[in-house]
Amino acid sequence: MLNRDDFNKLLKKAHLTKKAFAELLETSYNTINAWGSNGREVPYWVQSWLTLYIENKDCKELKQLIKDNICKE
């Protein structure tokens, strides 16, 4: 289970704020901010969601780098 500190680290690695993450999920900032505090657990799916988001972002950046440097005409 993801704790609050690990959740915050994953958000940072994804270059997302809690506000931006809430907007992506179309939920309120207060909901996201409450995760991991006052007995509220971070939902089980958040870790895999953020991990896939990070991997996808990395792949897009790599694809752009290849396009910019190898596929020049």
PDB file of N, CA and C in Angstrom:
ATOM      1  N   MET A   1       0.842  -1.186   0.000  1.00  0.00           N
ATOM      2  CA  MET A   1       0.000   0.000   0.000  1.00  0.00           C
ATOM      3  C   MET A   1       0.882   1.243   0.000  1.00  0.00           C
ATOM      4  N   LEU A   2       0.508   2.212  -0.759  1.00  0.00           N
ATOM      5  CA  LEU A   2       1.248   3.453  -0.912  1.00  0.00           C
ATOM      6  C   LEU A   2       0.962   4.371   0.275  1.00  0.00           C
ATOM      7  N   ASN A   3       2.021   4.831   0.946  1.00  0.00           N
ATOM      8  CA  ASN A   3       1.807   5.789   2.035  1.00  0.00           C
ATOM      9  C   ASN A   3       1.917   7.212   1.496  1.00  0.00           C
ATOM     10  N   ARG A   4       1.637   8.176   2.343  1.00  0.00           N
ATOM     11  CA  ARG A   4       1.603   9.587   1.924  1.00  0.00           C
ATOM     12  C   ARG A   4       2.951  10.058   1.366  1.00  0.00           C
ATOM     13  N   ASP A   5       4.044   9.697   2.043  1.00  0.00           N
ATOM     14  CA  ASP A   5       5.365  10.120   1.572  1.00  0.00           C
ATOM     15  C   ASP A   5       5.691   9.539   0.202  1.00  0.00           C
ATOM     16  N   ASP A   6       5.413   8.248   0.022  1.00  0.00           N
ATOM     17  CA  ASP A   6       5.673   7.608  -1.272  1.00  0.00           C
ATOM     18  C   ASP A   6       4.776   8.196  -2.367  1.00  0.00           C
ATOM     19  N   PHE A   7       3.544   8.512  -2.007  1.00  0.00           N
ATOM     20  CA  PHE A   7       2.621   9.154  -2.944  1.00  0.00           C
ATOM     21  C   PHE A   7       3.192  10.497  -3.402  1.00  0.00           C
ATOM     22  N   ASN A   8       3.656  11.289  -2.449  1.00  0.00           N
ATOM     23  CA  ASN A   8       4.237  12.593  -2.786  1.00  0.00           C
ATOM     24  C   ASN A   8       5.490  12.447  -3.648  1.00  0.00           C
ATOM     25  N   LYS A   9       6.307  11.421  -3.374  1.00  0.00           N
ATOM     26  CA  LYS A   9       7.503  11.177  -4.179  1.00  0.00           C
ATOM     27  C   LYS A   9       7.136  10.802  -5.610  1.00  0.00           C
ATOM     28  N   LEU A  10       6.111   9.965  -5.762  1.00  0.00           N
ATOM     29  CA  LEU A  10       5.669   9.583  -7.108  1.00  0.00           C
ATOM     30  C   LEU A  10       5.122  10.787  -7.875  1.00  0.00           C
ATOM     31  N   LEU A  11       4.363  11.627  -7.189  1.00  0.00           N
ATOM     32  CA  LEU A  11       3.863  12.840  -7.841  1.00  0.00           C
ATOM     33  C   LEU A  11       5.021  13.706  -8.313  1.00  0.00           C
ATOM     34  N   LYS A  12       6.020  13.846  -7.471  1.00  0.00           N
ATOM     35  CA  LYS A  12       7.187  14.655  -7.832  1.00  0.00           C
ATOM     36  C   LYS A  12       7.909  14.048  -9.030  1.00  0.00           C
ATOM     37  N   LYS A  13       8.075  12.726  -9.026  1.00  0.00           N
ATOM     38  CA  LYS A  13       8.733  12.048 -10.138  1.00  0.00           C
ATOM     39  C   LYS A  13       7.942  12.233 -11.440  1.00  0.00           C
ATOM     40  N   ALA A  14       6.619  12.295 -11.312  1.00  0.00           N
ATOM     41  CA  ALA A  14       5.752  12.491 -12.480  1.00  0.00           C
ATOM     42  C   ALA A  14       5.664  13.958 -12.874  1.00  0.00           C
ATOM     43  N   HIS A  15       6.302  14.834 -12.094  1.00  0.00           N
ATOM     44  CA  HIS A  15       6.245  16.281 -12.321  1.00  0.00           C
ATOM     45  C   HIS A  15       4.805  16.780 -12.263  1.00  0.00           C
ATOM     46  N   LEU A  16       4.067  16.258 -11.275  1.00  0.00           N
ATOM     47  CA  LEU A  16       2.677  16.661 -11.072  1.00  0.00           C
ATOM     48  C   LEU A  16       2.500  17.230  -9.669  1.00  0.00           C
ATOM     49  N   THR A  17       1.702  18.254  -9.574  1.00  0.00           N
ATOM     50  CA  THR A  17       1.264  18.722  -8.270  1.00  0.00           C
ATOM     51  C   THR A  17      -0.009  17.969  -7.911  1.00  0.00           C
ATOM     52  N   LYS A  18      -0.398  18.061  -6.669  1.00  0.00           N
ATOM     53  CA  LYS A  18      -1.671  17.433  -6.285  1.00  0.00           C
ATOM     54  C   LYS A  18      -2.825  18.072  -7.045  1.00  0.00           C
ATOM     55  N   LYS A  19      -2.737  19.371  -7.272  1.00  0.00           N
ATOM     56  CA  LYS A  19      -3.786  20.062  -8.027  1.00  0.00           C
ATOM     57  C   LYS A  19      -3.852  19.545  -9.459  1.00  0.00           C
ATOM     58  N   ALA A  20      -2.698  19.415 -10.115  1.00  0.00           N
ATOM     59  CA  ALA A  20      -2.674  18.914 -11.493  1.00  0.00           C
ATOM     60  C   ALA A  20      -3.171  17.473 -11.559  1.00  0.00           C
ATOM     61  N   PHE A  21      -2.780  16.661 -10.571  1.00  0.00           N
ATOM     62  CA  PHE A  21      -3.239  15.270 -10.526  1.00  0.00           C
ATOM     63  C   PHE A  21      -4.749  15.225 -10.359  1.00  0.00           C
ATOM     64  N   ALA A  22      -5.287  16.067  -9.492  1.00  0.00           N
ATOM     65  CA  ALA A  22      -6.737  16.128  -9.295  1.00  0.00           C
ATOM     66  C   ALA A  22      -7.449  16.502 -10.592  1.00  0.00           C
ATOM     67  N   GLU A  23      -6.869  17.442 -11.332  1.00  0.00           N
ATOM     68  CA  GLU A  23      -7.466  17.846 -12.607  1.00  0.00           C
ATOM     69  C   GLU A  23      -7.444  16.707 -13.619  1.00  0.00           C
ATOM     70  N   LEU A  24      -6.336  15.960 -13.667  1.00  0.00           N
ATOM     71  CA  LEU A  24      -6.268  14.805 -14.572  1.00  0.00           C
ATOM     72  C   LEU A  24      -7.333  13.772 -14.241  1.00  0.00           C
ATOM     73  N   LEU A  25      -7.583  13.597 -12.947  1.00  0.00           N
ATOM     74  CA  LEU A  25      -8.564  12.608 -12.501  1.00  0.00           C
ATOM     75  C   LEU A  25      -9.987  13.155 -12.467  1.00  0.00           C
ATOM     76  N   GLU A  26     -10.105  14.453 -12.725  1.00  0.00           N
ATOM     77  CA  GLU A  26     -11.394  15.132 -12.654  1.00  0.00           C
ATOM     78  C   GLU A  26     -12.045  14.931 -11.283  1.00  0.00           C
ATOM     79  N   THR A  27     -11.252  15.180 -10.254  1.00  0.00           N
ATOM     80  CA  THR A  27     -11.732  15.114  -8.882  1.00  0.00           C
ATOM     81  C   THR A  27     -11.220  16.349  -8.143  1.00  0.00           C
ATOM     82  N   SER A  28     -11.615  16.496  -6.904  1.00  0.00           N
ATOM     83  CA  SER A  28     -11.234  17.700  -6.167  1.00  0.00           C
ATOM     84  C   SER A  28      -9.842  17.575  -5.562  1.00  0.00           C
ATOM     85  N   TYR A  29      -9.199  18.723  -5.436  1.00  0.00           N
ATOM     86  CA  TYR A  29      -7.892  18.779  -4.784  1.00  0.00           C
ATOM     87  C   TYR A  29      -8.003  18.268  -3.350  1.00  0.00           C
ATOM     88  N   ASN A  30      -9.073  18.627  -2.658  1.00  0.00           N
ATOM     89  CA  ASN A  30      -9.243  18.207  -1.263  1.00  0.00           C
ATOM     90  C   ASN A  30      -9.264  16.690  -1.117  1.00  0.00           C
ATOM     91  N   THR A  31      -9.843  16.007  -2.072  1.00  0.00           N
ATOM     92  CA  THR A  31      -9.853  14.542  -2.052  1.00  0.00           C
ATOM     93  C   THR A  31      -8.437  14.009  -2.143  1.00  0.00           C
ATOM     94  N   ILE A  32      -7.685  14.504  -3.114  1.00  0.00           N
ATOM     95  CA  ILE A  32      -6.305  14.060  -3.315  1.00  0.00           C
ATOM     96  C   ILE A  32      -5.450  14.411  -2.102  1.00  0.00           C
ATOM     97  N   ASN A  33      -5.614  15.599  -1.589  1.00  0.00           N
ATOM     98  CA  ASN A  33      -4.808  16.064  -0.470  1.00  0.00           C
ATOM     99  C   ASN A  33      -5.075  15.257   0.808  1.00  0.00           C
ATOM    100  N   ALA A  34      -6.250  14.705   0.942  1.00  0.00           N
ATOM    101  CA  ALA A  34      -6.600  13.939   2.141  1.00  0.00           C
ATOM    102  C   ALA A  34      -6.018  12.526   2.134  1.00  0.00           C
ATOM    103  N   TRP A  35      -5.622  12.045   0.962  1.00  0.00           N
ATOM    104  CA  TRP A  35      -5.084  10.687   0.889  1.00  0.00           C
ATOM    105  C   TRP A  35      -3.832  10.564   1.747  1.00  0.00           C
ATOM    106  N   GLY A  36      -3.802   9.523   2.540  1.00  0.00           N
ATOM    107  CA  GLY A  36      -2.637   9.240   3.364  1.00  0.00           C
ATOM    108  C   GLY A  36      -2.622   9.968   4.691  1.00  0.00           C
ATOM    109  N   SER A  37      -3.706  10.656   5.011  1.00  0.00           N
ATOM    110  CA  SER A  37      -3.762  11.350   6.298  1.00  0.00           C
ATOM    111  C   SER A  37      -5.102  11.075   6.981  1.00  0.00           C
ATOM    112  N   ASN A  38      -5.102  11.235   8.283  1.00  0.00           N
ATOM    113  CA  ASN A  38      -6.318  11.050   9.087  1.00  0.00           C
ATOM    114  C   ASN A  38      -7.004   9.712   8.821  1.00  0.00           C
ATOM    115  N   GLY A  39      -6.213   8.668   8.674  1.00  0.00           N
ATOM    116  CA  GLY A  39      -6.770   7.334   8.465  1.00  0.00           C
ATOM    117  C   GLY A  39      -7.244   7.039   7.056  1.00  0.00           C
ATOM    118  N   ARG A  40      -7.106   7.982   6.154  1.00  0.00           N
ATOM    119  CA  ARG A  40      -7.502   7.764   4.752  1.00  0.00           C
ATOM    120  C   ARG A  40      -6.320   7.190   3.994  1.00  0.00           C
ATOM    121  N   GLU A  41      -6.528   6.061   3.396  1.00  0.00           N
ATOM    122  CA  GLU A  41      -5.458   5.425   2.624  1.00  0.00           C
ATOM    123  C   GLU A  41      -5.407   5.996   1.212  1.00  0.00           C
ATOM    124  N   VAL A  42      -4.224   5.940   0.640  1.00  0.00           N
ATOM    125  CA  VAL A  42      -4.088   6.267  -0.780  1.00  0.00           C
ATOM    126  C   VAL A  42      -4.699   5.084  -1.530  1.00  0.00           C
ATOM    127  N   PRO A  43      -5.637   5.308  -2.448  1.00  0.00           N
ATOM    128  CA  PRO A  43      -6.272   4.192  -3.162  1.00  0.00           C
ATOM    129  C   PRO A  43      -5.252   3.250  -3.807  1.00  0.00           C
ATOM    130  N   TYR A  44      -5.612   1.984  -3.864  1.00  0.00           N
ATOM    131  CA  TYR A  44      -4.705   0.928  -4.340  1.00  0.00           C
ATOM    132  C   TYR A  44      -4.225   1.153  -5.768  1.00  0.00           C
ATOM    133  N   TRP A  45      -5.002   1.801  -6.607  1.00  0.00           N
ATOM    134  CA  TRP A  45      -4.685   1.938  -8.031  1.00  0.00           C
ATOM    135  C   TRP A  45      -3.754   3.103  -8.335  1.00  0.00           C
ATOM    136  N   VAL A  46      -3.528   3.985  -7.369  1.00  0.00           N
ATOM    137  CA  VAL A  46      -2.766   5.204  -7.626  1.00  0.00           C
ATOM    138  C   VAL A  46      -1.316   4.909  -8.005  1.00  0.00           C
ATOM    139  N   GLN A  47      -0.691   3.971  -7.324  1.00  0.00           N
ATOM    140  CA  GLN A  47       0.709   3.659  -7.619  1.00  0.00           C
ATOM    141  C   GLN A  47       0.884   3.177  -9.050  1.00  0.00           C
ATOM    142  N   SER A  48       0.053   2.257  -9.494  1.00  0.00           N
ATOM    143  CA  SER A  48       0.184   1.754 -10.867  1.00  0.00           C
ATOM    144  C   SER A  48      -0.177   2.842 -11.879  1.00  0.00           C
ATOM    145  N   TRP A  49      -1.155   3.663 -11.580  1.00  0.00           N
ATOM    146  CA  TRP A  49      -1.549   4.745 -12.481  1.00  0.00           C
ATOM    147  C   TRP A  49      -0.400   5.709 -12.667  1.00  0.00           C
ATOM    148  N   LEU A  50       0.195   6.149 -11.561  1.00  0.00           N
ATOM    149  CA  LEU A  50       1.302   7.098 -11.660  1.00  0.00           C
ATOM    150  C   LEU A  50       2.528   6.482 -12.314  1.00  0.00           C
ATOM    151  N   THR A  51       2.799   5.226 -12.035  1.00  0.00           N
ATOM    152  CA  THR A  51       3.934   4.541 -12.653  1.00  0.00           C
ATOM    153  C   THR A  51       3.759   4.495 -14.171  1.00  0.00           C
ATOM    154  N   LEU A  52       2.569   4.148 -14.628  1.00  0.00           N
ATOM    155  CA  LEU A  52       2.300   4.117 -16.067  1.00  0.00           C
ATOM    156  C   LEU A  52       2.344   5.518 -16.674  1.00  0.00           C
ATOM    157  N   TYR A  53       1.869   6.506 -15.950  1.00  0.00           N
ATOM    158  CA  TYR A  53       1.927   7.888 -16.421  1.00  0.00           C
ATOM    159  C   TYR A  53       3.378   8.308 -16.637  1.00  0.00           C
ATOM    160  N   ILE A  54       4.232   7.985 -15.679  1.00  0.00           N
ATOM    161  CA  ILE A  54       5.655   8.325 -15.767  1.00  0.00           C
ATOM    162  C   ILE A  54       6.306   7.598 -16.936  1.00  0.00           C
ATOM    163  N   GLU A  55       6.037   6.308 -17.075  1.00  0.00           N
ATOM    164  CA  GLU A  55       6.610   5.531 -18.181  1.00  0.00           C
ATOM    165  C   GLU A  55       6.151   6.075 -19.527  1.00  0.00           C
ATOM    166  N   ASN A  56       4.895   6.428 -19.635  1.00  0.00           N
ATOM    167  CA  ASN A  56       4.363   6.974 -20.888  1.00  0.00           C
ATOM    168  C   ASN A  56       5.015   8.315 -21.207  1.00  0.00           C
ATOM    169  N   LYS A  57       5.171   9.138 -20.192  1.00  0.00           N
ATOM    170  CA  LYS A  57       5.820  10.438 -20.384  1.00  0.00           C
ATOM    171  C   LYS A  57       7.258  10.246 -20.851  1.00  0.00           C
ATOM    172  N   ASP A  58       7.977   9.304 -20.232  1.00  0.00           N
ATOM    173  CA  ASP A  58       9.355   9.014 -20.630  1.00  0.00           C
ATOM    174  C   ASP A  58       9.418   8.528 -22.076  1.00  0.00           C
ATOM    175  N   CYS A  59       8.484   7.679 -22.460  1.00  0.00           N
ATOM    176  CA  CYS A  59       8.464   7.164 -23.842  1.00  0.00           C
ATOM    177  C   CYS A  59       8.185   8.281 -24.840  1.00  0.00           C
ATOM    178  N   LYS A  60       7.283   9.176 -24.496  1.00  0.00           N
ATOM    179  CA  LYS A  60       6.989  10.305 -25.392  1.00  0.00           C
ATOM    180  C   LYS A  60       8.211  11.194 -25.552  1.00  0.00           C
ATOM    181  N   GLU A  61       8.922  11.435 -24.455  1.00  0.00           N
ATOM    182  CA  GLU A  61      10.124  12.263 -24.527  1.00  0.00           C
ATOM    183  C   GLU A  61      11.202  11.597 -25.368  1.00  0.00           C
ATOM    184  N   LEU A  62      11.374  10.283 -25.211  1.00  0.00           N
ATOM    185  CA  LEU A  62      12.351   9.545 -25.997  1.00  0.00           C
ATOM    186  C   LEU A  62      11.972   9.555 -27.473  1.00  0.00           C
ATOM    187  N   LYS A  63      10.716   9.372 -27.754  1.00  0.00           N
ATOM    188  CA  LYS A  63      10.240   9.398 -29.136  1.00  0.00           C
ATOM    189  C   LYS A  63      10.528  10.757 -29.782  1.00  0.00           C
ATOM    190  N   GLN A  64      10.279  11.823 -29.042  1.00  0.00           N
ATOM    191  CA  GLN A  64      10.542  13.161 -29.569  1.00  0.00           C
ATOM    192  C   GLN A  64      12.035  13.374 -29.782  1.00  0.00           C
ATOM    193  N   LEU A  65      12.851  12.891 -28.866  1.00  0.00           N
ATOM    194  CA  LEU A  65      14.301  13.007 -28.988  1.00  0.00           C
ATOM    195  C   LEU A  65      14.796  12.276 -30.230  1.00  0.00           C
ATOM    196  N   ILE A  66      14.273  11.095 -30.472  1.00  0.00           N
ATOM    197  CA  ILE A  66      14.649  10.333 -31.659  1.00  0.00           C
ATOM    198  C   ILE A  66      14.217  11.073 -32.916  1.00  0.00           C
ATOM    199  N   LYS A  67      12.974  11.577 -32.910  1.00  0.00           N
ATOM    200  CA  LYS A  67      12.485  12.324 -34.053  1.00  0.00           C
ATOM    201  C   LYS A  67      13.361  13.533 -34.350  1.00  0.00           C
ATOM    202  N   ASP A  68      13.714  14.246 -33.305  1.00  0.00           N
ATOM    203  CA  ASP A  68      14.474  15.478 -33.472  1.00  0.00           C
ATOM    204  C   ASP A  68      15.917  15.237 -33.915  1.00  0.00           C
ATOM    205  N   ASN A  69      16.494  14.115 -33.531  1.00  0.00           N
ATOM    206  CA  ASN A  69      17.917  13.919 -33.771  1.00  0.00           C
ATOM    207  C   ASN A  69      18.273  12.830 -34.795  1.00  0.00           C
ATOM    208  N   ILE A  70      17.387  11.928 -35.046  1.00  0.00           N
ATOM    209  CA  ILE A  70      17.711  10.830 -35.961  1.00  0.00           C
ATOM    210  C   ILE A  70      16.896  10.914 -37.253  1.00  0.00           C
ATOM    211  N   CYS A  71      15.699  11.356 -37.141  1.00  0.00           N
ATOM    212  CA  CYS A  71      14.806  11.349 -38.304  1.00  0.00           C
ATOM    213  C   CYS A  71      14.807  12.676 -39.049  1.00  0.00           C
ATOM    214  N   LYS A  72      15.898  13.389 -38.991  1.00  0.00           N
ATOM    215  CA  LYS A  72      15.993  14.658 -39.710  1.00  0.00           C
ATOM    216  C   LYS A  72      16.110  14.375 -41.210  1.00  0.00           C
ATOM    217  N   GLU A  73      15.541  15.250 -41.972  1.00  0.00           N
ATOM    218  CA  GLU A  73      15.608  15.069 -43.428  1.00  0.00           C
ATOM    219  C   GLU A  73      16.884  15.643 -43.978  1.00  0.00           C
TER     220      GLU A  73
END
